[in-house]
Amino acid sequence: MNNILVKEEGTMKLHCRLSTLMGQHRLSIQNVHEKTKLSRTTISNLYNDKATRINYETIEKLCSLFECGIAELLCLDEPQKRSYSKDDER
């Protein structure tokens, strides 16, 4: 009898949804820069989901600009789950 096991792979990953919000509001990186005074590099890194950290002031400015909550700006992906049979362990 094969037992089916579920294994979580990887860790949870935080994603920035700035590109989605900017698209919905039809704003460019330059527009966001002018309205928030955040650096274009910061905005670009968040837009491309390449930022490794974000400070509270940045979150506050972006949430204020888009009139959204943190959960609309940032989302946490669950780890991927993979099913396999007990026979696969051999």
C-alpha atoms as a PDB file:
ATOM      1  CA  MET A   1       0.000   0.000   0.000  1.00  0.00           C
ATOM      2  CA  ASN A   2       1.403   3.383  -0.980  1.00  0.00           C
ATOM      3  CA  ASN A   3       1.209   6.145   1.587  1.00  0.00           C
ATOM      4  CA  ILE A   4       0.863   9.632   0.165  1.00  0.00           C
ATOM      5  CA  LEU A   5       2.948  12.213   1.998  1.00  0.00           C
ATOM      6  CA  VAL A   6       2.905  15.974   1.633  1.00  0.00           C
ATOM      7  CA  LYS A   7       6.135  17.902   1.998  1.00  0.00           C
ATOM      8  CA  GLU A   8       6.500  21.669   2.185  1.00  0.00           C
ATOM      9  CA  GLU A   9       9.298  22.963   0.017  1.00  0.00           C
ATOM     10  CA  GLY A  10      10.949  26.305   0.564  1.00  0.00           C
ATOM     11  CA  THR A  11       9.891  29.066   2.868  1.00  0.00           C
ATOM     12  CA  MET A  12       7.173  31.679   2.818  1.00  0.00           C
ATOM     13  CA  LYS A  13       8.012  34.567   0.522  1.00  0.00           C
ATOM     14  CA  LEU A  14       6.908  38.171   0.844  1.00  0.00           C
ATOM     15  CA  HIS A  15       5.859  39.850  -2.406  1.00  0.00           C
ATOM     16  CA  CYS A  16       5.255  43.495  -3.171  1.00  0.00           C
ATOM     17  CA  ARG A  17       2.181  44.280  -5.260  1.00  0.00           C
ATOM     18  CA  LEU A  18       3.301  47.805  -6.165  1.00  0.00           C
ATOM     19  CA  SER A  19       3.302  47.061  -9.900  1.00  0.00           C
ATOM     20  CA  THR A  20      -0.339  45.942  -9.697  1.00  0.00           C
ATOM     21  CA  LEU A  21      -1.367  49.035  -7.740  1.00  0.00           C
ATOM     22  CA  MET A  22       0.530  51.322 -10.104  1.00  0.00           C
ATOM     23  CA  GLY A  23      -1.140  49.667 -13.089  1.00  0.00           C
ATOM     24  CA  GLN A  24      -4.603  50.050 -11.563  1.00  0.00           C
ATOM     25  CA  HIS A  25      -3.947  53.757 -10.931  1.00  0.00           C
ATOM     26  CA  ARG A  26      -2.054  54.228 -14.203  1.00  0.00           C
ATOM     27  CA  LEU A  27       1.002  55.677 -12.467  1.00  0.00           C
ATOM     28  CA  SER A  28       4.618  55.453 -13.614  1.00  0.00           C
ATOM     29  CA  ILE A  29       7.679  55.137 -11.412  1.00  0.00           C
ATOM     30  CA  GLN A  30       8.288  58.849 -12.015  1.00  0.00           C
ATOM     31  CA  ASN A  31       4.707  59.702 -10.931  1.00  0.00           C
ATOM     32  CA  VAL A  32       5.102  57.723  -7.701  1.00  0.00           C
ATOM     33  CA  HIS A  33       8.500  59.333  -7.082  1.00  0.00           C
ATOM     34  CA  GLU A  34       7.044  62.829  -7.485  1.00  0.00           C
ATOM     35  CA  LYS A  35       4.018  62.135  -5.266  1.00  0.00           C
ATOM     36  CA  THR A  36       5.872  60.326  -2.439  1.00  0.00           C
ATOM     37  CA  LYS A  37       9.421  61.724  -2.670  1.00  0.00           C
ATOM     38  CA  LEU A  38      10.697  58.132  -2.429  1.00  0.00           C
ATOM     39  CA  SER A  39      13.806  57.409  -4.484  1.00  0.00           C
ATOM     40  CA  ARG A  40      13.283  56.014  -7.964  1.00  0.00           C
ATOM     41  CA  THR A  41      15.584  53.103  -7.039  1.00  0.00           C
ATOM     42  CA  THR A  42      13.390  52.170  -4.067  1.00  0.00           C
ATOM     43  CA  ILE A  43      10.245  52.352  -6.184  1.00  0.00           C
ATOM     44  CA  SER A  44      11.854  50.364  -9.015  1.00  0.00           C
ATOM     45  CA  ASN A  45      13.032  47.607  -6.651  1.00  0.00           C
ATOM     46  CA  LEU A  46       9.570  47.320  -5.117  1.00  0.00           C
ATOM     47  CA  TYR A  47       7.870  47.506  -8.524  1.00  0.00           C
ATOM     48  CA  ASN A  48      10.043  44.633  -9.804  1.00  0.00           C
ATOM     49  CA  ASP A  49       9.611  42.702  -6.519  1.00  0.00           C
ATOM     50  CA  LYS A  50      13.388  42.701  -5.979  1.00  0.00           C
ATOM     51  CA  ALA A  51      13.557  44.603  -2.683  1.00  0.00           C
ATOM     52  CA  THR A  52      15.141  42.731   0.204  1.00  0.00           C
ATOM     53  CA  ARG A  53      13.818  45.118   2.861  1.00  0.00           C
ATOM     54  CA  ILE A  54      11.368  47.964   3.193  1.00  0.00           C
ATOM     55  CA  ASN A  55      11.153  50.602   5.916  1.00  0.00           C
ATOM     56  CA  TYR A  56       7.985  51.726   7.675  1.00  0.00           C
ATOM     57  CA  GLU A  57       8.050  55.202   6.156  1.00  0.00           C
ATOM     58  CA  THR A  58       8.059  53.711   2.647  1.00  0.00           C
ATOM     59  CA  ILE A  59       5.074  51.504   3.485  1.00  0.00           C
ATOM     60  CA  GLU A  60       3.232  54.477   4.989  1.00  0.00           C
ATOM     61  CA  LYS A  61       3.838  56.679   1.943  1.00  0.00           C
ATOM     62  CA  LEU A  62       2.767  54.020  -0.541  1.00  0.00           C
ATOM     63  CA  CYS A  63      -0.328  53.009   1.429  1.00  0.00           C
ATOM     64  CA  SER A  64      -1.264  56.679   1.726  1.00  0.00           C
ATOM     65  CA  LEU A  65      -0.781  57.298  -2.000  1.00  0.00           C
ATOM     66  CA  PHE A  66      -2.858  54.281  -3.033  1.00  0.00           C
ATOM     67  CA  GLU A  67      -5.305  54.600  -0.118  1.00  0.00           C
ATOM     68  CA  CYS A  68      -4.766  50.943   0.709  1.00  0.00           C
ATOM     69  CA  GLY A  69      -3.807  48.747   3.618  1.00  0.00           C
ATOM     70  CA  ILE A  70      -0.536  46.904   4.063  1.00  0.00           C
ATOM     71  CA  ALA A  71      -2.168  43.630   2.955  1.00  0.00           C
ATOM     72  CA  GLU A  72      -2.966  45.202  -0.424  1.00  0.00           C
ATOM     73  CA  LEU A  73       0.639  46.343  -0.863  1.00  0.00           C
ATOM     74  CA  LEU A  74       2.437  43.281   0.498  1.00  0.00           C
ATOM     75  CA  CYS A  75       1.393  39.639   0.412  1.00  0.00           C
ATOM     76  CA  LEU A  76       2.909  36.494   1.874  1.00  0.00           C
ATOM     77  CA  ASP A  77       2.973  33.380  -0.302  1.00  0.00           C
ATOM     78  CA  GLU A  78       2.627  30.005   1.354  1.00  0.00           C
ATOM     79  CA  PRO A  79       5.404  27.454   0.753  1.00  0.00           C
ATOM     80  CA  GLN A  80       4.828  25.102  -2.165  1.00  0.00           C
ATOM     81  CA  LYS A  81       3.522  21.661  -1.218  1.00  0.00           C
ATOM     82  CA  ARG A  82       4.493  18.538  -3.115  1.00  0.00           C
ATOM     83  CA  SER A  83       2.812  15.157  -2.798  1.00  0.00           C
ATOM     84  CA  TYR A  84       4.835  11.992  -3.132  1.00  0.00           C
ATOM     85  CA  SER A  85       4.481   8.337  -2.220  1.00  0.00           C
ATOM     86  CA  LYS A  86       6.454   6.518   0.433  1.00  0.00           C
ATOM     87  CA  ASP A  87       8.128   4.544  -2.382  1.00  0.00           C
ATOM     88  CA  ASP A  88       9.726   7.790  -3.668  1.00  0.00           C
ATOM     89  CA  GLU A  89      11.926   7.977  -0.543  1.00  0.00           C
ATOM     90  CA  ARG A  90      13.980   4.977  -1.635  1.00  0.00           C
END
